[in-house]
N, C-alpha and C. Protein backbone atom coordinates (compact mmCIF):
# COMPACT_ATOMS: atom_id res chain seq x y z
N MET A 1 0.99 -1.33 0.09
CA MET A 1 -0.26 -0.28 -0.31
C MET A 1 1.55 1.56 0.17
N ARG A 2 0.61 2.14 -0.67
CA ARG A 2 1.45 3.59 -1.01
C ARG A 2 0.55 4.99 0.17
N LYS A 3 1.82 5.13 0.89
CA LYS A 3 1.62 5.82 2.17
C LYS A 3 1.64 7.01 1.64
N LEU A 4 1.67 7.94 1.67
CA LEU A 4 2.36 9.71 2.02
C LEU A 4 2.66 10.11 3.84
N LEU A 5 3.92 11.30 3.41
CA LEU A 5 3.79 11.56 4.85
C LEU A 5 4.22 12.90 4.31
N PHE A 6 3.26 13.82 4.72
CA PHE A 6 4.03 15.14 4.99
C PHE A 6 5.05 15.32 6.18
N ALA A 7 6.36 16.65 5.72
CA ALA A 7 6.91 16.81 6.33
C ALA A 7 6.71 18.10 6.69
N SER A 8 7.12 18.92 7.15
CA SER A 8 7.28 20.02 7.62
C SER A 8 7.93 20.93 9.12
N HIS A 9 9.13 22.31 8.66
CA HIS A 9 9.05 23.22 9.57
C HIS A 9 7.58 22.74 10.27
N ALA A 10 7.38 23.36 11.50
CA ALA A 10 5.99 24.26 12.31
C ALA A 10 5.41 23.07 11.53
N TYR A 11 3.76 24.08 11.75
CA TYR A 11 2.47 23.43 11.37
C TYR A 11 2.44 23.33 10.22
N LEU A 12 2.98 23.65 9.35
CA LEU A 12 3.08 23.46 6.68
C LEU A 12 2.20 22.03 7.17
N ALA A 13 3.31 21.56 7.07
CA ALA A 13 2.43 19.24 6.95
C ALA A 13 1.54 19.43 7.14
N LYS A 14 0.31 20.48 8.38
CA LYS A 14 -1.42 20.43 9.16
C LYS A 14 -2.03 20.87 8.30
N GLY A 15 -1.40 21.91 8.05
CA GLY A 15 -2.12 23.68 6.84
C GLY A 15 -2.40 22.41 6.19
N ILE A 16 -1.74 22.25 5.73
CA ILE A 16 -1.82 21.56 4.21
C ILE A 16 -2.70 20.86 3.74
N LEU A 17 -2.12 20.23 5.00
CA LEU A 17 -3.11 18.71 4.90
C LEU A 17 -5.04 19.18 4.95
N SER A 18 -5.24 20.28 6.34
CA SER A 18 -6.23 20.82 6.34
C SER A 18 -7.20 21.72 4.90
N SER A 19 -6.58 22.20 3.81
CA SER A 19 -5.97 22.30 2.63
C SER A 19 -7.12 20.68 2.24
N LEU A 20 -5.52 20.41 2.24
CA LEU A 20 -6.54 20.13 1.30
C LEU A 20 -7.61 18.67 0.80
N GLU A 21 -7.55 18.35 2.42
CA GLU A 21 -8.97 17.32 2.66
C GLU A 21 -9.64 17.96 1.72
N LEU A 22 -9.84 19.88 3.12
CA LEU A 22 -11.92 20.20 2.42
C LEU A 22 -11.46 20.29 0.31
N ILE A 23 -10.59 19.98 -0.27
CA ILE A 23 -10.68 19.58 -1.35
C ILE A 23 -11.08 18.48 -2.04
N MET A 24 -10.35 17.44 -1.39
CA MET A 24 -11.09 16.37 -2.36
C MET A 24 -11.25 14.79 -0.70
N GLY A 25 -11.37 14.85 0.39
CA GLY A 25 -11.83 15.10 1.70
C GLY A 25 -10.99 13.75 2.34
N HIS A 26 -11.68 13.44 3.00
CA HIS A 26 -10.54 12.41 4.15
C HIS A 26 -9.84 12.10 3.33
N GLN A 27 -8.90 11.87 3.73
CA GLN A 27 -7.05 10.65 2.60
C GLN A 27 -6.73 10.80 4.08
N GLU A 28 -6.92 9.26 4.26
CA GLU A 28 -6.86 8.16 5.06
C GLU A 28 -5.51 7.51 5.19
N GLN A 29 -5.06 7.77 3.83
CA GLN A 29 -3.51 7.24 3.35
C GLN A 29 -2.26 8.17 3.87
N VAL A 30 -3.04 9.54 4.95
CA VAL A 30 -2.10 10.55 4.91
C VAL A 30 -1.22 10.58 5.96
N ASP A 31 -0.09 10.68 6.13
CA ASP A 31 0.46 11.45 7.85
C ASP A 31 1.03 12.58 7.55
N ILE A 32 0.84 13.20 8.33
CA ILE A 32 2.27 14.84 9.09
C ILE A 32 2.73 14.51 9.60
N LEU A 33 4.01 14.77 9.44
CA LEU A 33 4.72 15.22 11.18
C LEU A 33 5.31 16.66 10.45
N CYS A 34 4.84 16.65 12.01
CA CYS A 34 5.45 18.77 11.94
C CYS A 34 7.09 18.72 13.17
N ALA A 35 8.19 18.98 11.71
CA ALA A 35 8.78 19.20 13.13
C ALA A 35 9.25 20.19 13.84
N TYR A 36 9.55 20.67 15.05
CA TYR A 36 9.56 21.50 16.08
C TYR A 36 9.44 22.49 16.61
N THR A 37 7.93 21.84 17.05
CA THR A 37 6.60 21.78 17.48
C THR A 37 7.28 22.09 18.65
N GLU A 38 7.96 21.52 20.05
CA GLU A 38 7.84 21.19 20.44
C GLU A 38 8.94 20.82 21.14
N GLU A 39 9.21 21.59 22.36
CA GLU A 39 11.24 21.08 23.20
C GLU A 39 10.44 20.52 24.47
N PRO A 40 11.59 19.89 24.37
CA PRO A 40 12.78 19.27 23.67
C PRO A 40 12.04 18.53 21.74
N TYR A 41 12.87 18.44 20.88
CA TYR A 41 12.09 17.56 20.28
C TYR A 41 13.24 16.36 19.05
N ASP A 42 12.82 15.20 18.61
CA ASP A 42 14.10 14.63 18.40
C ASP A 42 13.21 14.48 16.99
N LEU A 43 14.07 14.31 15.88
CA LEU A 43 13.25 14.56 14.04
C LEU A 43 14.23 12.76 13.92
N ARG A 44 14.37 12.74 14.32
CA ARG A 44 15.24 11.17 13.95
C ARG A 44 14.64 10.54 14.42
N ALA A 45 14.51 10.30 15.68
CA ALA A 45 13.13 9.16 16.51
C ALA A 45 12.22 9.51 16.28
N GLU A 46 11.37 10.50 14.61
CA GLU A 46 10.30 10.77 14.55
C GLU A 46 10.25 9.92 13.30
N ILE A 47 10.72 10.75 12.73
CA ILE A 47 11.55 9.70 11.52
C ILE A 47 11.08 8.08 11.02
N GLN A 48 12.04 7.38 12.77
CA GLN A 48 12.69 6.43 12.53
C GLN A 48 11.14 5.62 13.07
N ARG A 49 10.20 6.13 13.78
CA ARG A 49 9.47 6.22 14.39
C ARG A 49 7.83 5.81 13.33
N ARG A 50 7.74 6.40 12.32
CA ARG A 50 6.74 5.92 11.42
C ARG A 50 7.82 4.56 10.30
N LEU A 51 9.40 5.42 10.01
CA LEU A 51 9.50 3.86 9.11
C LEU A 51 8.90 2.07 10.16
N ASP A 52 9.47 2.40 10.81
CA ASP A 52 9.68 1.66 12.10
C ASP A 52 8.10 1.09 11.80
N ALA A 53 6.55 2.33 11.04
CA ALA A 53 5.46 1.64 11.23
C ALA A 53 5.29 0.75 10.06
N LEU A 54 6.19 0.47 9.02
CA LEU A 54 5.39 0.39 7.47
C LEU A 54 5.41 -1.99 6.71
N GLY A 55 4.91 -1.25 6.65
CA GLY A 55 4.54 -3.02 6.84
C GLY A 55 5.65 -3.48 5.88
N GLU A 56 5.90 -4.65 5.40
CA GLU A 56 6.52 -4.99 4.22
C GLU A 56 6.01 -4.71 2.65
N GLN A 57 5.06 -5.32 2.90
CA GLN A 57 4.05 -4.60 1.20
C GLN A 57 3.79 -2.54 1.12
N ASP A 58 4.43 -1.73 2.67
CA ASP A 58 3.83 -0.33 1.90
C ASP A 58 5.13 0.73 1.46
N GLU A 59 4.66 0.65 0.35
CA GLU A 59 5.95 2.13 0.20
C GLU A 59 5.08 3.43 0.51
N LEU A 60 6.21 4.50 0.79
CA LEU A 60 5.83 5.91 1.75
C LEU A 60 6.55 6.46 0.83
N ILE A 61 5.73 7.89 0.25
CA ILE A 61 6.13 9.19 -0.41
C ILE A 61 6.45 9.87 0.80
N VAL A 62 7.45 10.61 0.83
CA VAL A 62 7.15 11.70 2.17
C VAL A 62 8.32 13.04 1.32
N ILE A 63 7.35 14.05 1.30
CA ILE A 63 7.23 15.30 1.04
C ILE A 63 7.51 16.60 2.30
N THR A 64 8.19 16.65 1.70
CA THR A 64 9.05 17.82 2.94
C THR A 64 9.47 19.65 1.94
N ASP A 65 8.98 20.35 3.37
CA ASP A 65 8.48 21.27 2.05
C ASP A 65 9.63 22.33 2.25
N VAL A 66 11.42 22.06 2.48
CA VAL A 66 12.18 22.98 1.88
C VAL A 66 13.26 21.36 0.50
N PHE A 67 14.01 21.57 0.31
CA PHE A 67 14.97 20.75 0.13
C PHE A 67 16.27 21.39 0.13
N GLY A 68 16.88 20.92 0.66
CA GLY A 68 18.20 21.32 1.39
C GLY A 68 17.69 21.92 3.11
N GLY A 69 16.50 22.20 3.92
CA GLY A 69 16.47 22.14 5.10
C GLY A 69 16.61 21.46 6.32
N SER A 70 16.82 20.79 7.00
CA SER A 70 16.83 20.37 8.18
C SER A 70 16.38 18.74 7.36
N VAL A 71 14.72 19.17 7.63
CA VAL A 71 14.49 18.38 7.49
C VAL A 71 14.01 16.96 6.97
N ASN A 72 14.34 18.43 5.36
CA ASN A 72 14.17 16.94 3.76
C ASN A 72 16.03 16.46 4.60
N ASN A 73 16.86 16.96 5.17
CA ASN A 73 18.48 16.59 5.31
C ASN A 73 18.95 15.14 6.45
N GLU A 74 17.58 15.53 7.14
CA GLU A 74 17.22 14.18 8.19
C GLU A 74 16.87 13.24 7.15
N PHE A 75 15.50 13.89 7.24
CA PHE A 75 14.94 12.12 6.23
C PHE A 75 15.83 11.97 5.06
N MET A 76 17.00 12.47 4.69
CA MET A 76 17.65 12.12 3.72
C MET A 76 18.40 10.71 4.38
N SER A 77 19.16 11.89 5.47
CA SER A 77 20.88 10.55 5.42
C SER A 77 19.86 8.87 5.85
N VAL A 78 18.51 9.20 7.02
CA VAL A 78 17.59 7.72 7.20
C VAL A 78 17.70 6.98 6.90
N ILE A 79 16.83 7.38 4.72
CA ILE A 79 16.62 6.85 3.97
C ILE A 79 17.05 6.13 3.43
N ALA A 80 18.92 6.42 3.21
CA ALA A 80 19.47 5.93 2.84
C ALA A 80 19.37 4.41 2.73
N ASP A 81 19.52 3.63 3.87
CA ASP A 81 19.20 2.20 3.75
C ASP A 81 17.71 1.56 3.49
N CYS A 82 16.65 2.31 3.47
CA CYS A 82 14.95 1.72 2.65
C CYS A 82 15.83 1.51 1.22
N GLY A 83 15.89 1.42 -0.03
CA GLY A 83 15.86 1.64 -0.58
C GLY A 83 15.07 1.96 -1.17
N GLN A 84 13.69 0.97 -1.86
CA GLN A 84 13.26 1.05 -2.59
C GLN A 84 11.46 1.53 -2.61
N LYS A 85 12.06 1.10 -0.73
CA LYS A 85 10.06 1.71 0.32
C LYS A 85 10.16 2.89 0.47
N VAL A 86 10.53 3.22 0.49
CA VAL A 86 11.07 5.27 0.36
C VAL A 86 11.09 6.37 -0.27
N HIS A 87 10.30 6.83 -1.04
CA HIS A 87 10.36 7.83 -2.12
C HIS A 87 10.24 9.00 -1.43
N LEU A 88 11.17 9.64 -1.59
CA LEU A 88 11.80 11.46 -1.46
C LEU A 88 11.98 12.44 -1.45
N VAL A 89 10.40 13.87 -2.05
CA VAL A 89 10.16 14.40 -2.64
C VAL A 89 10.52 15.63 -1.52
N ALA A 90 11.44 17.41 -1.66
CA ALA A 90 11.11 18.23 -1.81
C ALA A 90 10.25 19.17 -2.35
N GLY A 91 9.47 19.90 -1.88
CA GLY A 91 8.73 20.96 -2.82
C GLY A 91 7.01 20.66 -2.45
N LEU A 92 7.21 20.79 -1.00
CA LEU A 92 5.72 20.06 -0.08
C LEU A 92 4.75 21.76 -0.44
N ASN A 93 3.52 21.39 -1.96
CA ASN A 93 2.29 21.70 -2.36
C ASN A 93 1.05 22.03 -2.60
N LEU A 94 0.41 22.73 -2.35
CA LEU A 94 -1.10 21.98 -2.83
C LEU A 94 -1.31 20.65 -3.65
N SER A 95 -0.80 21.84 -5.59
CA SER A 95 -1.75 21.07 -6.50
C SER A 95 -0.64 19.32 -6.75
N LEU A 96 0.40 19.22 -6.24
CA LEU A 96 1.15 18.11 -5.97
C LEU A 96 0.50 17.08 -5.48
N LEU A 97 0.02 17.37 -4.35
CA LEU A 97 -0.26 16.73 -2.92
C LEU A 97 -1.54 17.04 -4.15
N MET A 98 -2.19 17.01 -4.39
CA MET A 98 -4.08 16.64 -5.31
C MET A 98 -3.26 15.65 -6.58
N ASN A 99 -3.02 16.10 -7.00
CA ASN A 99 -2.36 15.29 -7.61
C ASN A 99 -1.72 13.88 -7.27
N LEU A 100 -0.90 13.61 -6.21
CA LEU A 100 -0.77 12.29 -6.26
C LEU A 100 -1.73 11.66 -4.96
N CYS A 101 -2.12 13.03 -4.29
CA CYS A 101 -3.57 12.12 -3.15
C CYS A 101 -4.10 11.03 -4.80
N SER A 102 -4.95 11.43 -5.57
CA SER A 102 -5.66 11.08 -7.16
C SER A 102 -4.75 10.49 -7.63
N ARG A 103 -4.15 9.60 -7.23
CA ARG A 103 -2.77 8.54 -8.01
C ARG A 103 -2.38 7.77 -7.06
N MET A 104 -2.95 7.05 -5.92
CA MET A 104 -2.99 6.82 -5.39
C MET A 104 -2.25 5.56 -5.94
N ASP A 105 -3.92 5.12 -5.47
CA ASP A 105 -4.65 3.67 -5.74
C ASP A 105 -3.90 3.14 -7.87
N GLU A 106 -3.60 4.01 -7.70
CA GLU A 106 -3.43 3.82 -9.79
C GLU A 106 -1.58 2.88 -9.22
N ASP A 107 -1.95 1.52 -10.72
CA ASP A 107 -1.09 0.63 -10.50
C ASP A 107 0.20 1.23 -11.28
N GLY A 108 1.36 0.26 -11.18
CA GLY A 108 2.62 0.57 -11.63
C GLY A 108 3.59 1.54 -10.80
N ASP A 109 4.73 2.36 -11.82
CA ASP A 109 5.98 2.40 -10.63
C ASP A 109 5.34 3.50 -9.93
N THR A 110 5.71 4.02 -8.85
CA THR A 110 5.07 4.31 -7.70
C THR A 110 6.73 5.51 -8.11
N ALA A 111 7.20 5.19 -8.15
CA ALA A 111 9.03 6.58 -8.94
C ALA A 111 9.17 7.26 -10.06
N GLU A 112 7.89 7.00 -10.68
CA GLU A 112 7.47 7.23 -12.11
C GLU A 112 5.95 8.14 -12.39
N ILE A 113 5.11 7.19 -11.12
CA ILE A 113 3.86 8.19 -11.35
C ILE A 113 4.31 9.67 -9.89
N ILE A 114 5.27 9.86 -9.43
CA ILE A 114 5.64 10.26 -8.50
C ILE A 114 6.65 11.50 -9.64
N LYS A 115 7.48 10.77 -10.62
CA LYS A 115 7.84 12.23 -11.48
C LYS A 115 6.97 12.73 -12.34
N ALA A 116 5.42 11.75 -12.49
CA ALA A 116 5.04 12.81 -13.61
C ALA A 116 4.12 13.76 -11.96
N CYS A 117 2.64 13.64 -11.26
CA CYS A 117 2.81 14.36 -10.67
C CYS A 117 3.77 15.51 -10.23
N LEU A 118 5.27 15.29 -9.92
CA LEU A 118 5.99 16.50 -10.25
C LEU A 118 6.20 17.03 -11.19
N GLU A 119 5.89 16.73 -12.37
CA GLU A 119 5.50 17.35 -13.68
C GLU A 119 4.41 19.24 -13.84
N GLU A 120 3.47 17.73 -13.75
CA GLU A 120 2.59 17.93 -13.61
C GLU A 120 2.17 19.68 -12.79
N ALA A 121 2.40 18.96 -11.15
CA ALA A 121 2.92 20.97 -10.33
C ALA A 121 3.63 21.64 -10.65
N ARG A 122 4.26 21.07 -11.57
CA ARG A 122 5.24 22.32 -11.84
C ARG A 122 4.43 23.05 -12.39
N CYS A 123 3.65 22.53 -13.98
CA CYS A 123 2.81 23.44 -14.94
C CYS A 123 2.08 23.49 -14.60
N SER A 124 1.76 24.11 -12.67
CA SER A 124 0.83 24.91 -11.85
C SER A 124 0.80 26.49 -11.16
N LEU A 125 3.08 26.44 -11.20
CA LEU A 125 3.42 27.23 -11.10
C LEU A 125 3.85 28.76 -11.62
N GLN A 126 2.63 29.80 -12.13
CA GLN A 126 3.03 30.38 -12.36
C GLN A 126 3.68 31.68 -12.54
N TYR A 127 3.53 32.74 -13.28
CA TYR A 127 4.07 34.37 -12.24
C TYR A 127 2.44 34.84 -13.99
N CYS A 128 1.50 35.04 -12.54
CA CYS A 128 0.13 35.44 -12.64
C CYS A 128 -0.05 36.46 -14.19
N ASN A 129 0.53 37.43 -13.28
CA ASN A 129 1.14 39.74 -13.77
C ASN A 129 0.95 38.75 -15.46
N ASP A 130 2.37 37.99 -15.73
CA ASP A 130 2.68 37.59 -17.71
C ASP A 130 1.65 37.04 -17.82
N LEU A 131 0.55 36.54 -17.53
CA LEU A 131 -0.93 36.49 -18.16
C LEU A 131 -1.69 37.07 -18.50
N LEU A 132 -1.71 37.85 -17.56
CA LEU A 132 -3.13 38.60 -17.61
C LEU A 132 -2.07 39.69 -18.46
N THR A 133 -1.08 40.28 -18.48
CA THR A 133 0.28 40.98 -19.27
C THR A 133 -0.36 40.73 -20.80
N ALA A 134 0.05 39.31 -21.16
CA ALA A 134 -0.05 39.20 -22.32
C ALA A 134 -1.69 38.75 -23.29
N GLY A 135 -2.49 39.22 -22.09
CA GLY A 135 -4.31 38.89 -22.92
C GLY A 135 -4.82 37.55 -23.28
N GLN A 136 -4.22 36.72 -21.80
CA GLN A 136 -4.50 34.75 -22.30
C GLN A 136 -5.80 35.61 -21.41
N ALA A 137 -6.52 34.20 -21.43
CA ALA A 137 -7.88 34.53 -21.10
C ALA A 137 -7.28 34.09 -19.43
N VAL A 138 -8.31 33.52 -18.80
CA VAL A 138 -7.88 32.80 -17.08
C VAL A 138 -9.26 32.61 -17.22
N LYS A 139 -9.15 30.51 -17.60
CA LYS A 139 -10.44 30.06 -16.47
C LYS A 139 -10.34 30.01 -15.18
N ASP A 140 -10.74 28.38 -14.55
CA ASP A 140 -11.69 28.83 -13.80
C ASP A 140 -11.62 26.35 -14.10
N GLU A 141 -10.50 26.57 -13.15
CA GLU A 141 -10.22 24.56 -12.92
C GLU A 141 -11.36 24.41 -12.06
N GLU A 142 -11.39 23.80 -11.82
CA GLU A 142 -12.12 22.74 -11.00
C GLU A 142 -12.13 21.39 -10.56
N PHE A 143 -11.96 21.34 -9.75
CA PHE A 143 -10.08 20.27 -8.53
C PHE A 143 -11.63 19.37 -8.30
């Protein structure tokens, strides 16, 4: 079973899950990790606890808030021995999460699904003023 873990500094992961569930409903396969929200905080222990909870057939897709940040770096140092069971993505954003959640039950290689979702999410990053200046029509999309 594929599972998702949103991991962030402070409460970004909690907030983005709230937004995701407002749009897509409850997401049973999603867990969050809100780092450094209490003192003392042992990020490595929190990561290990989630990894230890994975079943034999589980795959975990971890999405952290920022590449090179302490949360992402700690995951990188811990998951090196997890093989293909854990996938790490940096750049937590709602568009990416909506794409991933809509494809969680899809057959196929998890790494390929992640790469396709990343490409779709990249297309949603736009400087909208340029679109308005160019006179392009702005369409509402319903998710």
